[in-house]
Amino acid sequence: MIASGGFRKYIAITGRRNVGKSSFMNALIGQDVSIVSNVAGTTTDPVFKSMELSPIGPVTLIDTPGLDDIGELGKKRIEKAKKTLYRADCGILIVDSQPKEYERQIVEIFKQLEIPYIIVINKIDTINSDEVEEAYKKFNVPIVKVSALKKIGFENIGKVIDSVIPKDDEIPYLSDLIDGGDLAVLVVPIDLGAPKGRLIMPQVHAIREGLDKEALVLVVKERELRYALENIGMKPKIVVTDSQSVMKVVSDVPEEIKLTTFSILESRYRGDLNYFVESVKHIENLKDGDKVIIMEGCTHRPLTEDIGRVKIPRWLTNHTGAALEFKVWAGVDMPELNEIEDAKLVIHCGGCVMNRNSMMRRVRMFKRLGIPMTNYGVAISYLHGVLERALSPFKDVEI
């Protein structure tokens, strides 16, 4: 099964005109998907091709125009090529000679965008590849030598690429906040968006981690919380609530008990909580006409009082007093640049159907674009004035 764009890795192939980028891509894929010609600048627009690359799995290769293109049209092509890199998980710099200004420019772009990369020396059947390799060792990145024309040197390239792609290690969801014998109270409203008779993923996840930690897990609805706290006879170590009930829960839970929301747990587990907290402060800079993207990691049929499409825009408008433009982008695929580049803020869902790698790809993408990104739980707690309380369990988060 071909993975969706949100889960596959994007690999950008870059280099000077006529260095053999298209030939390299064709040789790697085993198909002629990019036009090959001796005329410099044959590739005028980025070419995308999806494939399975062992041991990485599903990837999309992006064959970019040469960044040394000339003329006014060449400048536009270069800008388009640069914009293509915003979603790259890693880059491949194709070379066939010692580094010049072109190669240094590409390396600088990779560094600015924090894109890991490897260097591929092409045309080893016609050049002194040892001399070229020696010149590129100063960049301190993996080097692979190939002949795209004769399809030589491709045996281990997947392993080399895999070695530089960021690996986002899993972070505990709830288990590091509790110990065996502790009481964790989970406030679970009956979610209209969940199938009848079921809990949603974040709630199930919290219950399972609590049980695995040999803690006591008490599940209540928001209306029964105060009664439970007064009658359980044991002080909870932590209370976790649905974000939409956070105001009522805060009023019912004593200050000395740590409290957070499922969505904030999700933002730490799958994303970058510090970045989300830093970004949420940009709400104060929003003004009339600014675009705010409500981003979801899946598609679902909107409810009448949908949290992303109705409630958050309402709360945000009331808080800022500004006439904001809201755009909803839902799905696991990555958005096109023209859909997001003019946004002033992105508010992402908890991402419960995504894995950490796919969420972090979105985080890195918006960081490269310089667009603040937060998530539902952080934004809701901020807009209701309880963010500091909701972050109380996390010692390494700066408010």
Protein backbone atom coordinates (compact mmCIF):
# COMPACT_ATOMS: atom_id res chain seq x y z
CA MET A 1 0.00 0.00 0.00
CA ILE A 2 1.37 3.44 -0.90
CA ALA A 3 1.64 5.69 2.14
CA SER A 4 0.01 9.11 2.13
CA GLY A 5 2.08 12.26 1.74
CA GLY A 6 1.97 12.97 5.45
CA PHE A 7 3.87 9.80 6.37
CA ARG A 8 6.34 9.43 3.51
CA LYS A 9 9.73 11.16 3.47
CA TYR A 10 10.54 13.89 0.94
CA ILE A 11 14.03 13.86 -0.56
CA ALA A 12 15.16 16.87 -2.62
CA ILE A 13 17.71 16.27 -5.38
CA THR A 14 19.73 19.43 -6.03
CA GLY A 15 22.82 20.54 -7.93
CA ARG A 16 24.09 22.53 -10.88
CA ARG A 17 22.48 22.35 -14.29
CA ASN A 18 23.49 19.28 -16.28
CA VAL A 19 25.26 17.66 -13.34
CA GLY A 20 23.06 14.60 -13.79
CA LYS A 21 20.24 15.14 -11.31
CA SER A 22 17.58 13.76 -13.62
CA SER A 23 19.76 10.81 -14.63
CA PHE A 24 20.42 10.07 -10.96
CA MET A 25 16.71 10.16 -10.17
CA ASN A 26 15.88 7.87 -13.10
CA ALA A 27 18.61 5.42 -12.10
CA LEU A 28 17.47 5.38 -8.46
CA ILE A 29 13.83 4.80 -9.40
CA GLY A 30 14.51 2.47 -12.32
CA GLN A 31 12.19 4.47 -14.58
CA ASP A 32 12.59 7.42 -16.95
CA VAL A 33 10.48 9.96 -15.05
CA SER A 34 12.74 13.00 -15.58
CA ILE A 35 13.77 14.22 -19.02
CA VAL A 36 17.50 13.71 -19.64
CA SER A 37 19.40 15.88 -22.12
CA ASN A 38 22.88 17.24 -22.72
CA VAL A 39 21.34 20.71 -22.89
CA ALA A 40 21.81 22.53 -19.56
CA GLY A 41 18.58 23.52 -17.82
CA THR A 42 16.33 20.84 -19.32
CA THR A 43 14.48 20.47 -16.00
CA THR A 44 12.53 23.70 -15.64
CA ASP A 45 10.15 22.76 -12.82
CA PRO A 46 10.42 20.40 -9.85
CA VAL A 47 9.53 16.81 -10.74
CA PHE A 48 7.95 14.62 -8.01
CA LYS A 49 8.12 10.82 -7.98
CA SER A 50 7.00 8.49 -5.19
CA MET A 51 8.61 5.12 -4.56
CA GLU A 52 9.66 2.64 -1.88
CA LEU A 53 13.31 3.04 -0.88
CA SER A 54 14.79 0.48 1.48
CA PRO A 55 15.30 0.77 4.43
CA ILE A 56 13.44 4.11 4.66
CA GLY A 57 10.11 2.98 3.24
CA PRO A 58 7.84 5.27 1.18
CA VAL A 59 9.59 8.40 -0.14
CA THR A 60 8.93 11.16 -2.64
CA LEU A 61 11.91 12.27 -4.70
CA ILE A 62 11.96 15.87 -5.90
CA ASP A 63 14.10 16.64 -8.95
CA THR A 64 14.76 20.39 -8.78
CA PRO A 65 15.95 22.78 -11.51
CA GLY A 66 19.61 23.74 -11.30
CA LEU A 67 20.17 26.54 -8.81
CA ASP A 68 22.76 28.08 -11.15
CA ASP A 69 20.08 28.86 -13.75
CA ILE A 70 20.55 32.15 -15.58
CA GLY A 71 18.42 35.06 -16.77
CA GLU A 72 15.19 36.48 -15.39
CA LEU A 73 13.32 33.23 -15.99
CA GLY A 74 16.22 31.43 -14.33
CA LYS A 75 15.77 33.53 -11.19
CA LYS A 76 12.12 32.53 -11.03
CA ARG A 77 13.07 28.88 -11.46
CA ILE A 78 15.61 29.17 -8.65
CA GLU A 79 13.05 30.71 -6.31
CA LYS A 80 10.60 27.94 -7.17
CA ALA A 81 13.28 25.32 -6.51
CA LYS A 82 14.09 26.88 -3.13
CA LYS A 83 10.43 26.92 -2.17
CA THR A 84 10.23 23.23 -3.01
CA LEU A 85 12.75 22.54 -0.24
CA TYR A 86 10.41 23.73 2.51
CA ARG A 87 8.99 20.24 2.97
CA ALA A 88 12.17 18.21 2.41
CA ASP A 89 13.24 15.73 5.09
CA CYS A 90 16.71 15.59 3.59
CA GLY A 91 18.61 16.75 0.54
CA ILE A 92 20.96 15.17 -1.98
CA LEU A 93 23.59 17.43 -3.55
CA ILE A 94 24.72 15.97 -6.90
CA VAL A 95 28.23 17.05 -8.01
CA ASP A 96 30.72 16.10 -10.69
CA SER A 97 33.57 18.49 -9.91
CA GLN A 98 35.17 20.29 -6.98
CA PRO A 99 32.94 22.70 -5.01
CA LYS A 100 32.30 26.12 -6.48
CA GLU A 101 29.92 28.93 -5.56
CA TYR A 102 26.91 26.94 -6.78
CA GLU A 103 27.55 24.07 -4.38
CA ARG A 104 28.31 26.39 -1.46
CA GLN A 105 25.04 28.21 -2.13
CA ILE A 106 23.06 24.97 -1.96
CA VAL A 107 24.84 23.88 1.22
CA GLU A 108 24.04 27.26 2.77
CA ILE A 109 20.36 26.84 1.89
CA PHE A 110 20.35 23.39 3.50
CA LYS A 111 21.89 24.86 6.65
CA GLN A 112 19.46 27.79 6.79
CA LEU A 113 16.49 25.44 6.48
CA GLU A 114 18.07 22.87 8.82
CA ILE A 115 17.80 20.18 6.15
CA PRO A 116 20.24 17.28 6.58
CA TYR A 117 21.89 16.23 3.34
CA ILE A 118 24.34 13.89 1.63
CA ILE A 119 26.67 14.50 -1.29
CA VAL A 120 26.55 12.25 -4.35
CA ILE A 121 29.50 12.37 -6.74
CA ASN A 122 28.16 11.48 -10.18
CA LYS A 123 29.93 10.46 -13.41
CA ILE A 124 32.59 8.39 -11.63
CA ASP A 125 33.12 6.57 -14.92
CA THR A 126 34.46 9.78 -16.55
CA ILE A 127 36.01 11.90 -13.74
CA ASN A 128 38.70 11.56 -11.05
CA SER A 129 36.21 10.85 -8.27
CA ASP A 130 38.89 10.48 -5.56
CA GLU A 131 40.02 14.10 -6.05
CA VAL A 132 36.44 15.33 -6.00
CA GLU A 133 35.67 13.29 -2.88
CA GLU A 134 38.67 14.72 -1.06
CA ALA A 135 37.47 18.26 -1.80
CA TYR A 136 34.01 17.54 -0.34
CA LYS A 137 35.17 15.88 2.87
CA LYS A 138 35.33 19.32 4.55
CA PHE A 139 31.50 19.46 4.51
CA ASN A 140 31.44 16.58 7.02
CA VAL A 141 28.44 14.79 5.50
CA PRO A 142 28.15 11.31 3.97
CA ILE A 143 29.49 10.98 0.42
CA VAL A 144 28.36 8.42 -2.16
CA LYS A 145 30.01 7.88 -5.56
CA VAL A 146 27.87 6.76 -8.49
CA SER A 147 27.54 6.65 -12.23
CA ALA A 148 23.93 7.44 -13.00
CA LEU A 149 24.49 6.67 -16.68
CA LYS A 150 25.84 3.15 -15.99
CA LYS A 151 23.75 2.67 -12.81
CA ILE A 152 26.80 1.99 -10.63
CA GLY A 153 27.05 2.67 -6.88
CA PHE A 154 23.37 2.61 -5.92
CA GLU A 155 23.49 -0.51 -3.72
CA ASN A 156 23.64 1.19 -0.30
CA ILE A 157 22.36 4.67 -1.05
CA GLY A 158 19.09 4.04 0.82
CA LYS A 159 21.02 3.25 4.01
CA VAL A 160 23.13 6.40 3.63
CA ILE A 161 20.07 8.61 3.15
CA ASP A 162 18.33 6.93 6.09
CA SER A 163 21.33 7.70 8.31
CA VAL A 164 20.79 11.48 8.02
CA ILE A 165 16.97 11.69 8.09
CA PRO A 166 15.84 12.92 11.54
CA LYS A 167 14.59 10.17 13.83
CA ASP A 168 11.96 11.55 16.19
CA ASP A 169 12.12 9.32 19.24
CA GLU A 170 8.87 8.70 21.05
CA ILE A 171 8.22 10.73 24.21
CA PRO A 172 6.12 9.34 27.07
CA TYR A 173 2.49 10.38 26.89
CA LEU A 174 1.51 10.24 30.57
CA SER A 175 3.75 7.63 32.19
CA ASP A 176 6.59 10.00 33.15
CA LEU A 177 4.14 12.21 35.09
CA ILE A 178 2.90 9.46 37.42
CA ASP A 179 4.32 6.60 39.48
CA GLY A 180 2.96 3.26 40.58
CA GLY A 181 0.19 3.72 43.14
CA ASP A 182 -0.53 7.32 42.08
CA LEU A 183 -4.06 8.38 41.20
CA ALA A 184 -4.65 9.90 37.76
CA VAL A 185 -8.10 11.37 37.18
CA LEU A 186 -9.18 11.59 33.57
CA VAL A 187 -12.06 13.95 32.80
CA VAL A 188 -13.77 12.55 29.72
CA PRO A 189 -16.82 14.33 28.31
CA ILE A 190 -18.99 12.23 26.02
CA ASP A 191 -17.48 13.31 22.70
CA LEU A 192 -20.06 13.61 19.94
CA GLY A 193 -17.27 13.11 17.42
CA ALA A 194 -16.41 9.64 18.76
CA PRO A 195 -18.26 6.50 17.62
CA LYS A 196 -21.02 5.39 19.98
CA GLY A 197 -19.73 3.22 22.80
CA ARG A 198 -16.08 4.21 22.33
CA LEU A 199 -13.54 6.63 23.74
CA ILE A 200 -11.28 8.67 21.50
CA MET A 201 -7.62 7.75 21.01
CA PRO A 202 -5.99 10.20 23.49
CA GLN A 203 -8.24 9.00 26.31
CA VAL A 204 -7.53 5.34 25.61
CA HIS A 205 -3.82 6.12 25.38
CA ALA A 206 -3.82 7.79 28.82
CA ILE A 207 -5.72 4.91 30.41
CA ARG A 208 -3.31 2.33 28.97
CA GLU A 209 -0.15 4.18 30.05
CA GLY A 210 -1.60 4.70 33.53
CA LEU A 211 -2.34 1.00 33.87
CA ASP A 212 1.06 0.03 32.50
CA LYS A 213 2.64 2.26 35.16
CA GLU A 214 0.54 0.47 37.81
CA ALA A 215 -1.17 3.72 38.73
CA LEU A 216 -4.83 4.08 39.64
CA VAL A 217 -6.88 5.57 36.81
CA LEU A 218 -10.24 7.14 37.56
CA VAL A 219 -12.39 8.19 34.59
CA VAL A 220 -15.20 10.68 35.18
CA LYS A 221 -17.30 13.15 33.22
CA GLU A 222 -16.84 16.82 33.98
CA ARG A 223 -20.11 17.03 35.92
CA GLU A 224 -19.00 14.29 38.33
CA LEU A 225 -15.45 15.56 38.88
CA ARG A 226 -16.05 17.62 42.01
CA TYR A 227 -18.08 14.82 43.60
CA ALA A 228 -15.31 12.33 42.84
CA LEU A 229 -12.56 14.54 44.29
CA GLU A 230 -14.57 15.06 47.50
CA ASN A 231 -15.35 11.38 47.97
CA ILE A 232 -12.46 9.36 46.59
CA GLY A 233 -10.43 9.73 49.80
CA MET A 234 -7.14 10.06 47.89
CA LYS A 235 -5.38 13.09 46.43
CA PRO A 236 -4.79 12.77 42.67
CA LYS A 237 -1.24 13.13 41.33
CA ILE A 238 -2.64 14.66 38.14
CA VAL A 239 -5.94 15.54 36.50
CA VAL A 240 -6.18 15.38 32.71
CA THR A 241 -9.18 16.93 30.99
CA ASP A 242 -10.62 17.48 27.56
CA SER A 243 -9.61 20.99 26.42
CA GLN A 244 -13.18 22.15 25.93
CA SER A 245 -13.94 21.48 29.61
CA VAL A 246 -10.78 23.07 30.95
CA MET A 247 -12.47 26.11 32.52
CA LYS A 248 -14.90 24.07 34.60
CA VAL A 249 -12.20 21.57 35.57
CA VAL A 250 -9.80 24.30 36.67
CA SER A 251 -12.47 25.69 38.98
CA ASP A 252 -13.06 22.25 40.52
CA VAL A 253 -9.45 21.11 41.00
CA PRO A 254 -7.40 22.55 43.91
CA GLU A 255 -4.29 24.53 42.91
CA GLU A 256 -1.89 22.04 44.51
CA ILE A 257 -3.00 19.28 42.13
CA LYS A 258 -1.27 19.25 38.74
CA LEU A 259 -3.60 19.63 35.80
CA THR A 260 -3.30 19.46 32.03
CA THR A 261 -5.34 18.55 28.94
CA PHE A 262 -5.29 15.58 26.60
CA SER A 263 -4.45 17.87 23.70
CA ILE A 264 -1.43 19.31 25.51
CA LEU A 265 -0.25 15.77 26.24
CA GLU A 266 -0.66 15.11 22.51
CA SER A 267 1.33 18.22 21.61
CA ARG A 268 4.26 17.04 23.72
CA TYR A 269 4.01 13.39 22.63
CA ARG A 270 3.74 14.03 18.89
CA GLY A 271 5.10 17.54 18.40
CA ASP A 272 7.17 20.30 19.98
CA LEU A 273 5.40 21.65 23.07
CA ASN A 274 7.91 24.46 23.70
CA TYR A 275 7.50 25.68 20.11
CA PHE A 276 3.70 25.50 20.39
CA VAL A 277 3.76 27.55 23.61
CA GLU A 278 6.11 30.11 22.08
CA SER A 279 3.96 30.34 18.95
CA VAL A 280 0.63 30.78 20.76
CA LYS A 281 1.79 34.19 21.98
CA HIS A 282 1.63 35.42 18.38
CA ILE A 283 -2.14 35.53 18.83
CA GLU A 284 -1.57 38.97 20.36
CA ASN A 285 -0.07 40.21 17.06
CA LEU A 286 -3.03 39.22 14.87
CA LYS A 287 -4.87 42.04 13.12
CA ASP A 288 -7.66 42.58 10.60
CA GLY A 289 -7.22 40.51 7.44
CA ASP A 290 -4.60 38.12 8.83
CA LYS A 291 -4.93 34.50 7.76
CA VAL A 292 -5.11 31.80 10.44
CA ILE A 293 -4.91 28.19 9.28
CA ILE A 294 -6.82 25.58 11.25
CA MET A 295 -4.97 22.38 10.40
CA GLU A 296 -6.16 18.85 11.06
CA GLY A 297 -4.28 15.58 10.64
CA CYS A 298 -7.31 13.71 9.32
CA THR A 299 -10.57 14.33 7.52
CA HIS A 300 -13.93 14.03 9.27
CA ARG A 301 -17.48 15.25 8.82
CA PRO A 302 -17.72 18.57 10.69
CA LEU A 303 -20.12 18.82 13.62
CA THR A 304 -22.46 21.76 14.17
CA GLU A 305 -20.20 23.08 16.95
CA ASP A 306 -16.95 21.75 15.48
CA ILE A 307 -13.95 22.60 17.65
CA GLY A 308 -11.66 23.61 14.78
CA ARG A 309 -14.11 25.17 12.37
CA VAL A 310 -16.45 26.92 14.81
CA LYS A 311 -15.29 27.19 18.41
CA ILE A 312 -11.61 28.11 18.03
CA PRO A 313 -12.34 30.78 15.37
CA ARG A 314 -15.06 32.20 17.65
CA TRP A 315 -12.78 32.29 20.72
CA LEU A 316 -9.91 33.74 18.68
CA THR A 317 -12.07 36.47 17.18
CA ASN A 318 -13.48 37.38 20.60
CA HIS A 319 -9.98 37.52 22.09
CA THR A 320 -8.33 39.62 19.37
CA GLY A 321 -11.29 41.70 18.26
CA ALA A 322 -9.89 41.37 14.74
CA ALA A 323 -11.62 40.39 11.50
CA LEU A 324 -9.48 37.35 10.78
CA GLU A 325 -9.49 35.11 7.72
CA PHE A 326 -9.75 31.42 8.67
CA LYS A 327 -8.73 28.62 6.36
CA VAL A 328 -9.25 24.95 7.28
CA TRP A 329 -6.73 22.48 5.88
CA ALA A 330 -7.47 18.84 6.69
CA GLY A 331 -5.78 15.60 5.69
CA VAL A 332 -2.58 13.62 6.04
CA ASP A 333 -0.94 14.99 2.89
CA MET A 334 1.36 17.99 3.02
CA PRO A 335 -0.13 21.31 1.88
CA GLU A 336 1.17 23.17 -1.15
CA LEU A 337 3.21 26.26 -0.40
CA ASN A 338 0.70 28.67 -1.96
CA GLU A 339 -1.92 27.41 0.49
CA ILE A 340 0.04 28.34 3.61
CA GLU A 341 2.86 30.81 2.91
CA ASP A 342 0.83 33.92 3.76
CA ALA A 343 -0.51 32.56 7.07
CA LYS A 344 0.23 34.46 10.27
CA LEU A 345 -0.57 31.53 12.57
CA VAL A 346 -1.27 27.80 12.29
CA ILE A 347 -3.37 26.02 14.92
CA HIS A 348 -3.05 22.25 14.55
CA CYS A 349 -5.24 19.55 16.05
CA GLY A 350 -3.78 17.09 18.54
CA GLY A 351 -2.84 14.79 15.68
CA CYS A 352 -4.12 11.63 17.36
CA VAL A 353 -4.17 9.69 14.06
CA MET A 354 -0.64 10.83 13.16
CA ASN A 355 2.70 9.52 14.37
CA ARG A 356 5.40 11.71 15.85
CA ASN A 357 7.51 11.66 12.68
CA SER A 358 4.71 13.02 10.50
CA MET A 359 3.79 15.72 13.02
CA MET A 360 7.41 16.81 13.41
CA ARG A 361 7.70 17.11 9.63
CA ARG A 362 4.94 19.72 9.80
CA VAL A 363 6.64 21.44 12.74
CA ARG A 364 9.94 21.68 10.85
CA MET A 365 8.13 22.85 7.71
CA PHE A 366 6.48 25.80 9.45
CA LYS A 367 9.69 26.68 11.30
CA ARG A 368 11.46 26.91 7.93
CA LEU A 369 8.70 29.13 6.60
CA GLY A 370 8.83 31.32 9.71
CA ILE A 371 5.14 30.73 10.46
CA PRO A 372 4.17 30.26 14.14
CA MET A 373 2.46 26.92 14.82
CA THR A 374 0.57 25.90 17.93
CA ASN A 375 -2.07 23.26 18.65
CA TYR A 376 -5.69 23.11 19.78
CA GLY A 377 -4.98 22.36 23.45
CA VAL A 378 -2.34 25.07 23.90
CA ALA A 379 -4.46 27.65 22.05
CA ILE A 380 -7.66 26.84 23.96
CA SER A 381 -5.94 27.02 27.36
CA TYR A 382 -4.26 30.28 26.35
CA LEU A 383 -7.49 31.87 25.12
CA HIS A 384 -9.22 30.89 28.38
CA GLY A 385 -6.41 32.27 30.53
CA VAL A 386 -5.37 28.94 32.08
CA LEU A 387 -2.30 27.99 30.04
CA GLU A 388 0.11 28.38 32.95
CA ARG A 389 -2.00 26.01 35.05
CA ALA A 390 -2.33 23.51 32.19
CA LEU A 391 1.45 23.44 31.79
CA SER A 392 2.14 22.88 35.50
CA PRO A 393 3.13 19.19 35.11
CA PHE A 394 5.92 19.98 32.62
CA LYS A 395 9.14 21.21 34.24
CA ASP A 396 11.00 21.83 30.95
CA VAL A 397 8.40 24.09 29.32
CA GLU A 398 8.92 27.83 29.47
CA ILE A 399 5.80 30.01 29.50
